[in-house]
């Protein structure tokens, strides 16, 4: 599996200028950027973005070829990693959900 370069604009879902302002122009770790995203990421603006860093339950259900209720159950049972946005919405990292989908497809 190839690792791509970490891009704060992807995680924050904003422009480079907006990311620079949010991060106050300083160097930060991926964890710091993800933490900031939990308060400022506009998840509603990325519901139809096929490359968004974060996915919602409905997006994850499409990727996993499963129902939203099954994905919620998996989240409730801690079978999928997620973070909770300030709005209360559970968000998952797209790459983790896509990897889970590929793994499931190989074992079918």
N, C-alpha and C. Protein backbone atom coordinates (compact mmCIF):
# COMPACT_ATOMS: atom_id res chain seq x y z
N UNK A 1 0.85 -1.17 0.00
CA UNK A 1 0.00 0.00 0.00
C UNK A 1 0.89 1.23 0.00
N UNK A 2 0.65 2.17 -0.90
CA UNK A 2 1.48 3.37 -0.96
C UNK A 2 0.92 4.46 -0.05
N UNK A 3 1.83 5.17 0.61
CA UNK A 3 1.45 6.28 1.47
C UNK A 3 1.51 7.56 0.65
N UNK A 4 0.48 8.38 0.73
CA UNK A 4 0.52 9.66 0.06
C UNK A 4 0.97 10.72 1.06
N UNK A 5 1.42 11.82 0.51
CA UNK A 5 1.87 12.93 1.33
C UNK A 5 0.69 13.53 2.09
N UNK A 6 0.89 13.83 3.36
CA UNK A 6 -0.18 14.39 4.18
C UNK A 6 -0.50 15.81 3.73
N UNK A 7 -1.75 16.09 3.46
CA UNK A 7 -2.18 17.40 3.00
C UNK A 7 -3.26 17.94 3.94
N UNK A 8 -2.93 18.95 4.76
CA UNK A 8 -3.91 19.51 5.69
C UNK A 8 -5.18 20.03 5.01
N UNK A 9 -5.07 20.50 3.77
CA UNK A 9 -6.27 21.02 3.10
C UNK A 9 -7.29 19.91 2.87
N UNK A 10 -6.81 18.69 2.61
CA UNK A 10 -7.72 17.54 2.45
C UNK A 10 -8.45 17.23 3.75
N UNK A 11 -7.70 17.19 4.83
CA UNK A 11 -8.26 16.84 6.13
C UNK A 11 -9.25 17.90 6.60
N UNK A 12 -8.92 19.15 6.35
CA UNK A 12 -9.78 20.25 6.78
C UNK A 12 -10.89 20.54 5.78
N UNK A 13 -10.74 20.04 4.55
CA UNK A 13 -11.77 20.25 3.53
C UNK A 13 -11.89 21.69 3.10
N UNK A 14 -10.76 22.37 2.96
CA UNK A 14 -10.79 23.79 2.62
C UNK A 14 -9.64 24.14 1.68
N UNK A 15 -9.56 25.41 1.31
CA UNK A 15 -8.50 25.87 0.43
C UNK A 15 -7.18 25.99 1.20
N UNK A 16 -6.09 26.13 0.46
CA UNK A 16 -4.78 26.29 1.08
C UNK A 16 -4.74 27.56 1.94
N UNK A 17 -5.34 28.64 1.45
CA UNK A 17 -5.36 29.90 2.20
C UNK A 17 -6.15 29.74 3.51
N UNK A 18 -7.28 29.06 3.43
CA UNK A 18 -8.08 28.83 4.64
C UNK A 18 -7.33 27.95 5.63
N UNK A 19 -6.65 26.92 5.12
CA UNK A 19 -5.88 26.03 6.00
C UNK A 19 -4.75 26.80 6.68
N UNK A 20 -4.07 27.66 5.93
CA UNK A 20 -2.99 28.47 6.50
C UNK A 20 -3.52 29.36 7.62
N UNK A 21 -4.68 29.96 7.40
CA UNK A 21 -5.28 30.81 8.43
C UNK A 21 -5.68 29.98 9.65
N UNK A 22 -6.31 28.83 9.44
CA UNK A 22 -6.73 27.98 10.55
C UNK A 22 -5.53 27.47 11.36
N UNK A 23 -4.45 27.16 10.66
CA UNK A 23 -3.26 26.61 11.32
C UNK A 23 -2.29 27.71 11.74
N UNK A 24 -2.70 28.95 11.48
CA UNK A 24 -1.89 30.13 11.82
C UNK A 24 -0.48 30.06 11.22
N UNK A 25 -0.39 29.44 10.06
CA UNK A 25 0.87 29.38 9.34
C UNK A 25 1.95 28.51 9.96
N UNK A 26 1.64 27.77 11.01
CA UNK A 26 2.68 26.97 11.68
C UNK A 26 2.62 25.52 11.21
N UNK A 27 3.72 24.82 11.39
CA UNK A 27 3.80 23.39 11.07
C UNK A 27 3.06 22.62 12.15
N UNK A 28 2.28 21.65 11.74
CA UNK A 28 1.49 20.87 12.69
C UNK A 28 1.57 19.39 12.33
N UNK A 29 1.20 18.56 13.27
CA UNK A 29 1.17 17.12 13.03
C UNK A 29 -0.18 16.74 12.42
N UNK A 30 -0.24 15.58 11.77
CA UNK A 30 -1.53 15.11 11.25
C UNK A 30 -2.61 15.04 12.34
N UNK A 31 -2.23 14.61 13.53
CA UNK A 31 -3.19 14.53 14.63
C UNK A 31 -3.75 15.89 15.01
N UNK A 32 -2.92 16.91 14.99
CA UNK A 32 -3.39 18.26 15.30
C UNK A 32 -4.38 18.74 14.24
N UNK A 33 -4.09 18.43 12.99
CA UNK A 33 -4.99 18.83 11.91
C UNK A 33 -6.32 18.09 12.03
N UNK A 34 -6.27 16.79 12.30
CA UNK A 34 -7.51 16.03 12.47
C UNK A 34 -8.33 16.56 13.64
N UNK A 35 -7.67 16.93 14.73
CA UNK A 35 -8.38 17.48 15.89
C UNK A 35 -9.07 18.79 15.52
N UNK A 36 -8.38 19.63 14.79
CA UNK A 36 -8.97 20.90 14.36
C UNK A 36 -10.15 20.65 13.41
N UNK A 37 -10.02 19.65 12.56
CA UNK A 37 -11.10 19.32 11.62
C UNK A 37 -12.39 18.97 12.34
N UNK A 38 -12.28 18.41 13.54
CA UNK A 38 -13.48 18.01 14.26
C UNK A 38 -14.34 19.20 14.69
N UNK A 39 -13.81 20.39 14.60
CA UNK A 39 -14.63 21.56 14.90
C UNK A 39 -14.91 22.41 13.66
N UNK A 40 -14.02 22.37 12.65
CA UNK A 40 -14.21 23.28 11.52
C UNK A 40 -14.54 22.61 10.20
N UNK A 41 -14.41 21.29 10.09
CA UNK A 41 -14.67 20.61 8.83
C UNK A 41 -16.14 20.72 8.46
N UNK A 42 -16.42 21.16 7.22
CA UNK A 42 -17.79 21.29 6.74
C UNK A 42 -18.21 19.99 6.06
N UNK A 43 -18.59 19.01 6.85
CA UNK A 43 -18.92 17.69 6.30
C UNK A 43 -20.09 17.74 5.34
N UNK A 44 -21.03 18.65 5.55
CA UNK A 44 -22.18 18.75 4.63
C UNK A 44 -21.73 19.17 3.23
N UNK A 45 -20.69 19.98 3.17
CA UNK A 45 -20.19 20.43 1.88
C UNK A 45 -19.43 19.37 1.11
N UNK A 46 -19.19 18.22 1.72
CA UNK A 46 -18.41 17.16 1.08
C UNK A 46 -19.19 15.85 0.92
N UNK A 47 -20.50 15.93 1.06
CA UNK A 47 -21.31 14.71 0.98
C UNK A 47 -21.24 14.03 -0.39
N UNK A 48 -20.99 14.80 -1.43
CA UNK A 48 -20.91 14.22 -2.77
C UNK A 48 -19.49 14.24 -3.33
N UNK A 49 -18.53 14.48 -2.48
CA UNK A 49 -17.12 14.54 -2.90
C UNK A 49 -16.52 13.14 -2.84
N UNK A 50 -16.20 12.55 -3.99
CA UNK A 50 -15.69 11.18 -4.01
C UNK A 50 -14.25 11.06 -3.51
N UNK A 51 -13.61 12.18 -3.19
CA UNK A 51 -12.23 12.15 -2.71
C UNK A 51 -12.07 12.75 -1.32
N UNK A 52 -13.17 13.05 -0.65
CA UNK A 52 -13.07 13.68 0.66
C UNK A 52 -12.30 12.79 1.63
N UNK A 53 -11.59 13.42 2.54
CA UNK A 53 -10.80 12.69 3.54
C UNK A 53 -11.73 11.97 4.51
N UNK A 54 -12.80 12.65 4.92
CA UNK A 54 -13.77 12.12 5.88
C UNK A 54 -15.01 11.64 5.16
N UNK A 55 -15.66 10.61 5.70
CA UNK A 55 -16.95 10.15 5.18
C UNK A 55 -17.94 10.01 6.33
N UNK A 56 -19.20 10.22 6.00
CA UNK A 56 -20.28 10.05 6.96
C UNK A 56 -20.78 8.61 6.90
N UNK A 57 -21.75 8.30 7.74
CA UNK A 57 -22.33 6.95 7.75
C UNK A 57 -22.90 6.60 6.38
N UNK A 58 -23.64 7.52 5.76
CA UNK A 58 -24.24 7.22 4.46
C UNK A 58 -23.18 6.99 3.39
N UNK A 59 -22.11 7.79 3.41
CA UNK A 59 -21.03 7.59 2.44
C UNK A 59 -20.33 6.25 2.69
N UNK A 60 -20.06 5.96 3.96
CA UNK A 60 -19.40 4.69 4.30
C UNK A 60 -20.27 3.51 3.89
N UNK A 61 -21.57 3.63 4.03
CA UNK A 61 -22.44 2.51 3.66
C UNK A 61 -22.36 2.23 2.16
N UNK A 62 -22.22 3.28 1.35
CA UNK A 62 -22.07 3.07 -0.10
C UNK A 62 -20.73 2.41 -0.41
N UNK A 63 -19.67 2.87 0.24
CA UNK A 63 -18.34 2.30 0.00
C UNK A 63 -18.30 0.83 0.41
N UNK A 64 -18.94 0.52 1.54
CA UNK A 64 -18.92 -0.85 2.07
C UNK A 64 -20.01 -1.74 1.49
N UNK A 65 -20.86 -1.17 0.62
CA UNK A 65 -21.97 -1.91 0.02
C UNK A 65 -22.83 -2.53 1.14
N UNK A 66 -23.20 -1.68 2.07
CA UNK A 66 -23.96 -2.11 3.24
C UNK A 66 -25.03 -1.05 3.53
N UNK A 67 -25.89 -1.34 4.46
CA UNK A 67 -26.93 -0.37 4.83
C UNK A 67 -26.39 0.61 5.87
N UNK A 68 -26.94 1.82 5.92
CA UNK A 68 -26.53 2.77 6.96
C UNK A 68 -26.75 2.21 8.37
N UNK A 69 -27.81 1.45 8.57
CA UNK A 69 -28.05 0.90 9.91
C UNK A 69 -26.96 -0.10 10.30
N UNK A 70 -26.49 -0.87 9.34
CA UNK A 70 -25.40 -1.82 9.62
C UNK A 70 -24.11 -1.07 9.95
N UNK A 71 -23.83 0.01 9.22
CA UNK A 71 -22.63 0.81 9.51
C UNK A 71 -22.74 1.42 10.91
N UNK A 72 -23.92 1.95 11.25
CA UNK A 72 -24.11 2.51 12.60
C UNK A 72 -23.87 1.45 13.67
N UNK A 73 -24.37 0.26 13.42
CA UNK A 73 -24.17 -0.84 14.37
C UNK A 73 -22.68 -1.16 14.51
N UNK A 74 -21.96 -1.18 13.39
CA UNK A 74 -20.52 -1.44 13.43
C UNK A 74 -19.80 -0.33 14.23
N UNK A 75 -20.25 0.90 14.08
CA UNK A 75 -19.66 2.00 14.85
C UNK A 75 -19.96 1.83 16.33
N UNK A 76 -21.22 1.51 16.63
CA UNK A 76 -21.63 1.31 18.03
C UNK A 76 -20.84 0.18 18.70
N UNK A 77 -20.48 -0.81 17.90
CA UNK A 77 -19.73 -1.97 18.42
C UNK A 77 -18.22 -1.78 18.32
N UNK A 78 -17.79 -0.57 17.96
CA UNK A 78 -16.37 -0.24 17.79
C UNK A 78 -15.67 -1.15 16.78
N UNK A 79 -16.40 -1.54 15.74
CA UNK A 79 -15.81 -2.37 14.69
C UNK A 79 -15.28 -1.53 13.54
N UNK A 80 -15.60 -0.25 13.54
CA UNK A 80 -15.05 0.70 12.58
C UNK A 80 -14.50 1.90 13.35
N UNK A 81 -13.32 2.38 12.97
CA UNK A 81 -12.78 3.56 13.65
C UNK A 81 -13.50 4.83 13.20
N UNK A 82 -13.75 5.73 14.13
CA UNK A 82 -14.41 6.98 13.81
C UNK A 82 -14.03 8.05 14.81
N UNK A 83 -14.34 9.28 14.44
CA UNK A 83 -14.20 10.42 15.34
C UNK A 83 -15.54 11.14 15.34
N UNK A 84 -15.79 11.90 16.37
CA UNK A 84 -17.06 12.61 16.45
C UNK A 84 -16.83 14.10 16.22
N UNK A 85 -17.50 14.62 15.23
CA UNK A 85 -17.44 16.05 14.88
C UNK A 85 -18.15 16.84 15.98
N UNK A 86 -17.83 18.11 16.08
CA UNK A 86 -18.47 18.98 17.09
C UNK A 86 -19.99 18.98 16.95
N UNK A 87 -20.49 18.72 15.76
CA UNK A 87 -21.94 18.69 15.52
C UNK A 87 -22.58 17.39 16.00
N UNK A 88 -21.75 16.42 16.40
CA UNK A 88 -22.26 15.13 16.84
C UNK A 88 -22.22 14.06 15.77
N UNK A 89 -21.91 14.43 14.54
CA UNK A 89 -21.85 13.47 13.43
C UNK A 89 -20.57 12.64 13.56
N UNK A 90 -20.73 11.34 13.36
CA UNK A 90 -19.55 10.46 13.37
C UNK A 90 -18.92 10.45 11.98
N UNK A 91 -17.63 10.70 11.94
CA UNK A 91 -16.90 10.73 10.68
C UNK A 91 -15.82 9.66 10.70
N UNK A 92 -15.62 9.06 9.54
CA UNK A 92 -14.59 8.03 9.38
C UNK A 92 -13.61 8.48 8.31
N UNK A 93 -12.38 8.01 8.41
CA UNK A 93 -11.39 8.31 7.39
C UNK A 93 -11.68 7.45 6.17
N UNK A 94 -11.86 8.10 5.02
CA UNK A 94 -12.21 7.40 3.79
C UNK A 94 -11.24 6.26 3.49
N UNK A 95 -9.94 6.50 3.63
CA UNK A 95 -8.96 5.47 3.27
C UNK A 95 -9.14 4.22 4.12
N UNK A 96 -9.53 4.38 5.39
CA UNK A 96 -9.75 3.21 6.24
C UNK A 96 -10.99 2.44 5.81
N UNK A 97 -12.03 3.16 5.43
CA UNK A 97 -13.27 2.51 5.00
C UNK A 97 -13.05 1.81 3.65
N UNK A 98 -12.33 2.47 2.75
CA UNK A 98 -12.04 1.85 1.46
C UNK A 98 -11.17 0.60 1.63
N UNK A 99 -10.21 0.66 2.54
CA UNK A 99 -9.37 -0.52 2.79
C UNK A 99 -10.22 -1.65 3.36
N UNK A 100 -11.12 -1.32 4.25
CA UNK A 100 -12.03 -2.32 4.82
C UNK A 100 -12.88 -2.96 3.72
N UNK A 101 -13.32 -2.15 2.79
CA UNK A 101 -14.12 -2.66 1.68
C UNK A 101 -13.30 -3.58 0.80
N UNK A 102 -12.06 -3.21 0.51
CA UNK A 102 -11.18 -4.06 -0.31
C UNK A 102 -10.89 -5.38 0.40
N UNK A 103 -10.64 -5.32 1.70
CA UNK A 103 -10.37 -6.54 2.48
C UNK A 103 -11.59 -7.46 2.46
N UNK A 104 -12.77 -6.90 2.63
CA UNK A 104 -14.00 -7.70 2.63
C UNK A 104 -14.20 -8.34 1.26
N UNK A 105 -13.89 -7.61 0.19
CA UNK A 105 -14.06 -8.14 -1.15
C UNK A 105 -13.12 -9.30 -1.41
N UNK A 106 -11.91 -9.24 -0.85
CA UNK A 106 -10.94 -10.32 -1.06
C UNK A 106 -11.32 -11.58 -0.29
N UNK A 107 -12.04 -11.44 0.82
CA UNK A 107 -12.39 -12.60 1.63
C UNK A 107 -13.73 -13.22 1.23
N UNK A 108 -14.45 -12.55 0.32
CA UNK A 108 -15.75 -13.10 -0.14
C UNK A 108 -15.56 -14.22 -1.12
